[in-house]
Protein backbone atom coordinates (compact mmCIF):
# COMPACT_ATOMS: atom_id res chain seq x y z
CA MET A 1 95.25 90.84 8.71
CA LEU A 2 92.48 92.32 10.75
CA ILE A 3 93.22 93.59 14.28
CA LYS A 4 90.39 92.47 16.49
CA GLU A 5 91.76 92.89 19.98
CA MET A 6 94.52 94.78 21.81
CA ASN A 7 95.62 94.17 25.42
CA ILE A 8 97.94 96.50 27.41
CA ARG A 9 99.72 95.22 30.43
CA LYS A 10 101.34 97.69 32.88
CA MET A 11 104.35 95.80 34.26
CA ASN A 12 106.56 96.33 37.29
CA MET A 13 109.77 94.25 37.44
CA THR A 14 112.88 94.79 39.67
CA MET A 15 116.25 94.56 38.08
CA LYS A 16 119.03 92.53 39.69
CA SER A 17 121.02 95.56 40.46
CA PRO A 18 120.74 99.40 40.16
CA PHE A 19 121.52 100.97 36.81
CA SER A 20 123.24 104.40 36.90
CA THR A 21 123.75 106.90 34.06
CA SER A 22 124.49 110.61 33.85
CA PHE A 23 120.81 111.40 34.34
CA GLY A 24 119.96 109.11 37.24
CA THR A 25 119.90 105.72 39.03
CA PHE A 26 116.95 103.26 39.18
CA GLN A 27 116.28 99.57 39.80
CA VAL A 28 112.56 99.13 39.50
CA LYS A 29 111.45 99.10 35.86
CA GLU A 30 107.84 99.92 35.01
CA PHE A 31 106.90 99.40 31.33
CA LEU A 32 104.01 98.39 29.05
CA LEU A 33 103.47 95.17 27.11
CA LEU A 34 101.06 95.03 24.26
CA GLU A 35 99.37 92.11 22.75
CA ALA A 36 97.57 92.29 19.43
CA THR A 37 95.06 89.49 18.20
CA ASP A 38 93.85 89.07 14.67
CA GLU A 39 90.63 87.59 13.28
CA LEU A 40 92.14 84.10 13.27
CA GLY A 41 93.28 84.15 16.81
CA ASN A 42 96.98 84.79 16.23
CA THR A 43 98.72 87.06 18.64
CA GLY A 44 101.75 89.44 18.43
CA TRP A 45 103.64 91.18 21.19
CA GLY A 46 105.29 94.60 21.51
CA GLU A 47 106.90 96.49 24.35
CA SER A 48 107.12 100.23 25.27
CA THR A 49 110.57 101.23 26.28
CA ALA A 50 109.58 104.55 27.87
CA PHE A 51 110.80 105.05 31.53
CA GLN A 52 108.80 106.28 34.45
CA SER A 53 110.45 109.75 34.22
CA PRO A 54 111.29 111.91 31.13
CA TRP A 55 115.07 111.67 31.55
CA TYR A 56 115.88 109.86 28.27
CA SER A 57 113.23 111.58 26.30
CA GLU A 58 110.00 113.50 26.78
CA GLU A 59 108.02 110.28 26.71
CA THR A 60 107.14 108.38 29.97
CA LEU A 61 105.18 105.28 30.73
CA GLU A 62 102.09 107.33 31.56
CA THR A 63 102.20 109.45 28.39
CA ASN A 64 102.65 106.16 26.44
CA LEU A 65 99.67 104.62 28.11
CA HIS A 66 97.61 107.66 27.23
CA ILE A 67 98.68 107.85 23.62
CA ILE A 68 98.34 104.02 22.99
CA ARG A 69 94.96 103.70 24.72
CA ASP A 70 93.39 106.96 23.44
CA PHE A 71 94.90 107.50 19.99
CA LEU A 72 96.76 104.49 18.53
CA ILE A 73 94.64 101.60 19.42
CA PRO A 74 91.50 103.25 18.09
CA LEU A 75 93.38 103.74 14.80
CA VAL A 76 94.32 100.03 14.36
CA LEU A 77 91.32 98.22 15.94
CA ASP A 78 89.14 96.50 13.42
CA ARG A 79 91.47 97.72 10.71
CA GLY A 80 93.01 95.44 8.13
CA PHE A 81 96.73 95.63 7.09
CA ASN A 82 98.62 93.94 4.38
CA HIS A 83 101.98 94.70 5.89
CA PRO A 84 103.19 96.36 9.09
CA ASP A 85 104.82 99.24 7.16
CA GLU A 86 101.18 100.53 6.81
CA VAL A 87 101.02 101.10 10.55
CA SER A 88 103.82 103.66 10.56
CA GLU A 89 102.01 105.45 7.63
CA LEU A 90 98.74 105.41 9.59
CA PHE A 91 100.50 106.92 12.65
CA ALA A 92 102.43 109.53 10.68
CA PRO A 93 99.91 112.38 11.27
CA LEU A 94 100.37 112.03 15.02
CA ARG A 95 103.42 114.06 16.16
CA LYS A 96 106.36 112.31 17.89
CA ASN A 97 105.36 109.81 20.62
CA ASN A 98 107.71 107.35 18.96
CA MET A 99 107.98 104.86 21.83
CA ALA A 100 104.17 104.55 22.04
CA LYS A 101 103.99 104.11 18.24
CA ALA A 102 106.73 101.41 18.23
CA ALA A 103 105.07 99.38 20.93
CA VAL A 104 101.86 98.99 18.80
CA GLU A 105 103.70 98.55 15.60
CA GLY A 106 105.95 95.98 17.12
CA ALA A 107 103.06 93.81 18.15
CA ILE A 108 101.67 93.98 14.66
CA TRP A 109 104.97 93.10 13.12
CA ASP A 110 105.20 90.00 15.34
CA LEU A 111 101.60 89.11 14.43
CA TYR A 112 102.39 89.60 10.68
CA ALA A 113 105.46 87.32 10.90
CA LYS A 114 103.59 84.57 12.68
CA ARG A 115 100.63 84.75 10.17
CA ASN A 116 103.06 84.28 7.28
CA LYS A 117 105.10 81.59 8.95
CA LEU A 118 108.23 83.67 9.12
CA THR A 119 110.59 84.58 11.86
CA LEU A 120 110.59 88.31 12.69
CA ALA A 121 114.14 88.44 11.45
CA GLU A 122 113.06 86.96 8.07
CA ALA A 123 110.03 89.37 7.80
CA LEU A 124 112.50 92.26 8.23
CA GLY A 125 114.93 90.85 5.63
CA GLY A 126 117.52 89.79 8.15
CA THR A 127 119.93 86.88 7.35
CA ALA A 128 122.21 86.46 10.31
CA GLU A 129 121.97 83.26 12.31
CA LYS A 130 123.92 84.68 15.20
CA ILE A 131 124.46 88.24 16.37
CA GLU A 132 127.39 89.80 18.27
CA VAL A 133 126.42 91.37 21.52
CA GLY A 134 128.28 93.66 24.01
CA ILE A 135 127.43 94.90 27.48
CA SER A 136 126.29 98.22 28.80
CA ILE A 137 127.62 99.16 32.30
CA GLY A 138 126.23 101.80 34.43
CA ILE A 139 128.33 104.25 36.44
CA GLN A 140 130.11 102.44 39.26
CA LYS A 141 131.40 103.78 42.65
CA SER A 142 134.96 103.32 41.73
CA ALA A 143 137.40 102.21 38.99
CA ALA A 144 138.12 99.04 40.89
CA GLU A 145 134.50 98.02 40.91
CA LEU A 146 134.09 98.80 37.16
CA ILE A 147 137.26 96.79 36.36
CA LYS A 148 136.01 93.81 38.41
CA LEU A 149 132.71 93.91 36.41
CA VAL A 150 134.43 94.14 33.02
CA ARG A 151 136.80 91.25 33.91
CA GLY A 152 133.71 89.11 34.55
CA TYR A 153 132.02 90.13 31.30
CA VAL A 154 135.23 89.61 29.16
CA ALA A 155 135.38 86.06 30.66
CA GLU A 156 131.84 85.44 29.53
CA GLY A 157 132.81 86.44 26.01
CA TYR A 158 130.99 89.74 25.48
CA LYS A 159 132.34 91.46 22.38
CA ARG A 160 132.65 94.99 23.61
CA MET A 161 132.17 97.04 26.80
CA LYS A 162 130.08 100.23 26.81
CA VAL A 163 130.63 102.28 29.99
CA LYS A 164 128.55 105.26 31.13
CA ILE A 165 130.53 108.56 31.77
CA LYS A 166 129.68 111.97 33.13
CA PRO A 167 131.70 115.08 34.10
CA GLY A 168 134.19 114.10 36.87
CA HIS A 169 133.74 110.47 36.04
CA ASP A 170 135.38 110.14 32.71
CA VAL A 171 139.06 110.44 31.73
CA GLU A 172 140.54 108.67 34.82
CA ILE A 173 137.89 106.00 34.83
CA LEU A 174 138.62 105.23 31.09
CA ARG A 175 142.30 105.41 31.59
CA ALA A 176 142.18 102.75 34.33
CA LEU A 177 139.93 100.61 32.25
CA ARG A 178 142.07 100.79 29.21
CA GLU A 179 145.25 100.09 31.17
CA ALA A 180 143.57 96.97 32.67
CA PHE A 181 142.15 95.83 29.29
CA PRO A 182 144.38 97.15 26.50
CA ASP A 183 142.75 95.14 23.71
CA VAL A 184 139.03 94.97 24.62
CA PRO A 185 136.69 97.01 22.34
CA LEU A 186 135.64 99.86 24.52
CA MET A 187 133.09 102.72 24.07
CA ALA A 188 131.92 105.55 26.36
CA ASP A 189 128.26 106.66 26.59
CA ALA A 190 127.78 110.22 27.80
CA ASN A 191 123.96 110.56 27.54
CA SER A 192 124.22 114.24 26.55
CA ALA A 193 126.27 115.22 29.69
CA TYR A 194 128.79 117.51 28.01
CA THR A 195 128.83 120.80 26.09
CA LEU A 196 131.21 122.46 23.50
CA ASN A 197 132.94 124.00 26.54
CA ASP A 198 134.39 120.49 27.31
CA ILE A 199 136.10 120.10 23.96
CA GLU A 200 139.59 119.92 25.50
CA LEU A 201 138.46 117.33 28.08
CA LEU A 202 136.75 115.18 25.37
CA LYS A 203 139.89 115.35 23.20
CA GLN A 204 141.77 113.53 26.00
CA LEU A 205 139.56 110.51 25.30
CA ASP A 206 141.28 109.95 21.94
CA GLU A 207 144.29 108.33 23.71
CA PHE A 208 142.05 105.44 24.79
CA ASN A 209 141.28 104.04 21.28
CA LEU A 210 137.59 104.03 21.81
CA THR A 211 135.29 102.44 19.30
CA MET A 212 133.14 105.56 19.73
CA ILE A 213 131.83 108.20 22.23
CA GLU A 214 128.03 108.05 22.28
CA GLN A 215 125.90 111.28 22.42
CA PRO A 216 128.36 113.52 24.21
CA LEU A 217 126.30 116.69 23.65
CA ALA A 218 122.71 117.76 23.91
CA SER A 219 119.90 115.27 23.15
CA ASP A 220 118.36 117.50 20.42
CA ASP A 221 121.58 118.56 18.86
CA ILE A 222 123.23 117.77 15.54
CA ILE A 223 124.93 121.04 14.87
CA ASP A 224 127.40 121.15 17.71
CA HIS A 225 128.18 117.48 17.32
CA ALA A 226 129.49 118.28 13.89
CA LYS A 227 131.82 120.95 15.37
CA LEU A 228 132.93 118.50 18.06
CA GLN A 229 133.63 115.66 15.59
CA LYS A 230 136.05 117.91 13.66
CA GLU A 231 138.11 118.20 16.88
CA LEU A 232 138.04 114.46 17.84
CA LYS A 233 139.76 111.42 16.42
CA THR A 234 137.26 109.27 18.27
CA PRO A 235 134.11 108.62 16.18
CA ILE A 236 130.92 110.19 17.58
CA CYS A 237 127.86 107.93 17.64
CA LEU A 238 124.48 109.64 17.79
CA ASP A 239 121.60 108.18 19.96
CA GLU A 240 119.21 110.61 21.47
CA SER A 241 119.46 113.02 18.59
CA ILE A 242 118.18 110.52 15.97
CA HIS A 243 114.47 110.05 15.81
CA SER A 244 113.90 109.29 12.11
CA LEU A 245 115.41 108.74 8.81
CA GLU A 246 115.41 112.47 8.21
CA ASP A 247 117.39 113.08 11.33
CA THR A 248 119.86 110.52 10.11
CA ARG A 249 120.18 112.24 6.68
CA LYS A 250 120.79 115.57 8.13
CA ALA A 251 123.34 114.33 10.69
CA PHE A 252 125.25 112.49 8.02
CA GLU A 253 125.26 115.58 5.59
CA LEU A 254 126.47 117.78 8.48
CA GLY A 255 129.28 115.41 9.51
CA SER A 256 127.78 115.20 12.96
CA THR A 257 128.27 111.46 13.38
CA LYS A 258 130.27 108.48 11.99
CA ILE A 259 128.12 105.77 13.67
CA ILE A 260 124.39 105.51 14.42
CA ASN A 261 122.72 103.74 17.37
CA ILE A 262 119.38 102.46 16.25
CA LYS A 263 116.84 102.00 19.07
CA ILE A 264 113.38 100.73 17.82
CA GLY A 265 111.53 102.75 20.45
CA ARG A 266 113.34 106.02 19.89
CA VAL A 267 112.83 106.05 16.14
CA GLY A 268 109.16 104.91 16.17
CA GLY A 269 109.26 101.28 15.25
CA LEU A 270 110.79 98.52 13.15
CA THR A 271 109.75 100.14 9.83
CA GLU A 272 111.65 103.37 10.57
CA SER A 273 114.58 101.30 11.93
CA LYS A 274 114.88 99.41 8.76
CA LYS A 275 114.81 102.67 6.66
CA ILE A 276 117.64 104.07 8.88
CA HIS A 277 119.60 100.92 8.52
CA ASP A 278 119.32 101.02 4.71
CA PHE A 279 120.34 104.63 4.41
CA CYS A 280 123.37 104.06 6.60
CA MET A 281 124.34 100.97 4.74
CA ALA A 282 124.15 102.82 1.45
CA ASN A 283 126.38 105.65 2.87
CA GLY A 284 128.93 103.60 4.77
CA ILE A 285 127.75 104.42 8.25
CA PRO A 286 127.96 101.40 10.63
CA VAL A 287 124.99 100.82 12.92
CA TRP A 288 124.35 98.91 16.05
CA CYS A 289 121.31 98.25 18.26
CA GLY A 290 121.13 100.01 21.58
CA GLY A 291 119.18 98.66 24.59
CA MET A 292 116.62 100.22 26.81
CA LEU A 293 116.72 97.67 29.63
CA GLU A 294 113.92 95.77 27.96
CA SER A 295 112.14 92.66 29.10
CA GLY A 296 112.40 89.61 26.82
CA ILE A 297 109.67 90.85 24.53
CA GLY A 298 111.60 94.12 23.62
CA ARG A 299 114.87 92.10 23.70
CA ALA A 300 113.50 89.63 21.13
CA HIS A 301 112.63 92.55 18.76
CA ASN A 302 116.14 93.81 19.07
CA VAL A 303 117.64 90.39 18.21
CA ALA A 304 115.47 90.22 15.13
CA LEU A 305 116.51 93.74 13.95
CA THR A 306 120.18 93.08 14.49
CA THR A 307 120.10 90.34 11.88
CA LEU A 308 120.07 93.04 9.10
CA PRO A 309 123.53 93.22 7.36
CA ASN A 310 124.76 96.67 8.43
CA PHE A 311 124.57 95.85 12.11
CA ILE A 312 128.29 95.36 12.09
CA LEU A 313 129.04 96.56 15.65
CA PRO A 314 128.05 94.53 18.69
CA GLY A 315 124.69 95.74 20.32
CA ASP A 316 123.39 96.05 23.83
CA THR A 317 121.23 92.97 23.75
CA ALA A 318 122.84 90.90 26.55
CA SER A 319 121.31 87.80 28.17
CA SER A 320 118.07 88.12 30.11
CA SER A 321 119.85 87.02 33.25
CA ARG A 322 122.12 89.96 33.13
CA TYR A 323 119.05 92.16 34.20
CA TRP A 324 116.29 89.94 35.56
CA GLU A 325 115.91 87.12 38.06
CA GLU A 326 113.00 85.96 35.86
CA ASP A 327 112.10 87.15 32.36
CA VAL A 328 108.72 87.08 30.73
CA ILE A 329 109.63 84.72 27.76
CA THR A 330 110.53 81.16 27.34
CA PRO A 331 113.33 80.38 26.64
CA GLU A 332 115.06 83.45 28.00
CA VAL A 333 117.54 85.34 25.78
CA VAL A 334 120.92 83.84 26.25
CA ALA A 335 124.42 85.08 25.09
CA GLU A 336 126.99 82.41 24.78
CA ASP A 337 130.63 83.60 24.22
CA GLY A 338 129.27 87.01 23.08
CA TYR A 339 126.73 85.70 20.55
CA ILE A 340 122.99 85.17 20.60
CA THR A 341 121.65 82.51 18.40
CA VAL A 342 118.64 83.92 16.40
CA PRO A 343 115.53 81.84 17.29
CA LYS A 344 113.86 79.83 14.51
CA ALA A 345 110.28 79.87 15.74
CA TYR A 346 107.85 82.20 13.95
CA GLY A 347 107.47 85.79 15.01
CA ILE A 348 109.77 87.03 17.75
CA GLY A 349 110.82 83.40 18.29
CA TYR A 350 110.33 83.25 22.02
CA GLU A 351 107.13 82.23 23.76
CA PRO A 352 105.49 84.68 26.13
CA ASN A 353 105.52 83.26 29.63
CA ILE A 354 102.02 84.29 30.69
CA GLU A 355 102.38 82.94 34.27
CA ALA A 356 105.47 85.21 34.75
CA MET A 357 103.71 88.18 33.18
CA ASP A 358 100.85 87.70 35.58
CA ARG A 359 103.25 87.95 38.46
CA TYR A 360 104.56 91.31 37.38
CA THR A 361 101.34 92.88 35.97
CA VAL A 362 99.92 95.64 38.08
CA ASP A 363 97.09 96.67 35.62
CA GLN A 364 95.60 95.71 32.38
CA PHE A 365 93.51 97.41 29.69
CA HIS A 366 91.62 95.45 27.16
CA PHE A 367 90.20 96.57 23.74
CA LYS A 368 87.94 94.52 21.46
CA SER A 369 86.27 95.49 18.21
CA GLU A 370 82.38 94.95 18.06
């Protein structure tokens, strides 16, 4: 498999409604799409999940563009690969920049699957024909508005509700939600908004029978999370703290987490995601696939990854229509009664909608080997 061309699209799409977390609110999503072409004319697609600002991680859309254009593409262009795992090995000497690496590697994974007449799920070793999905809900103005939203998502069949929390918007919100929905699987996502000084407050969350509390403490921490987990009955799930298999191993050995959220971009690609999955499966740690408000390209990669057997908790991969008036794939990702049927077409299983992409493309960068 020889990589002959790479194309970067800088995209600008407006979400249906604003999305709020403990670190900010936004509605316009700028991101990068990557297209890789081999010597036979096959194409594969990947997506960068970096945001415009460094609030989730130190990476941004502009830093990703720089790293992809000036470092990663020169490494893969006109180079032959037998398997996409070789891409992560090639990128290993470059420190961090995981979202940039994942975007390039993802395009090559899609290309590899198509060349070998496999679905991306099959190429990864996945077997599930349907995946369970939940919904991620940003911070709302009131408990009443949140309850109204959740009631609608429950009616649509989503299998669990993840709600964002932050100091001053936590215990009473979750209490109201649990009283309204005593049997719905519920989790809270703190996005690093708390410290060990909040232990007594966080212990109050135990009464709500949450599936987990996600990343309550600092984004780079695994030590204090171990201290906190000893004080809580509620399982801690790590997100921002996990960037690699090594991070996963250390967090497990310290007792910092009981559940891992695997995000393809955060850990540097599908190859590393699979390694983390396999380690967690061997050590009895459930995993689930978190979302980064992706377009259909990134969403399709999430669907494929979630077919691996240890993804036993519903992920964030909701329907395209939850976020976008128009997505950039055909057909769009659709959840029915809380399940997404894994597509059977080769590669990511969804056809890129080039006309739609053109409508939202604000810049392009094309690279071709001699």
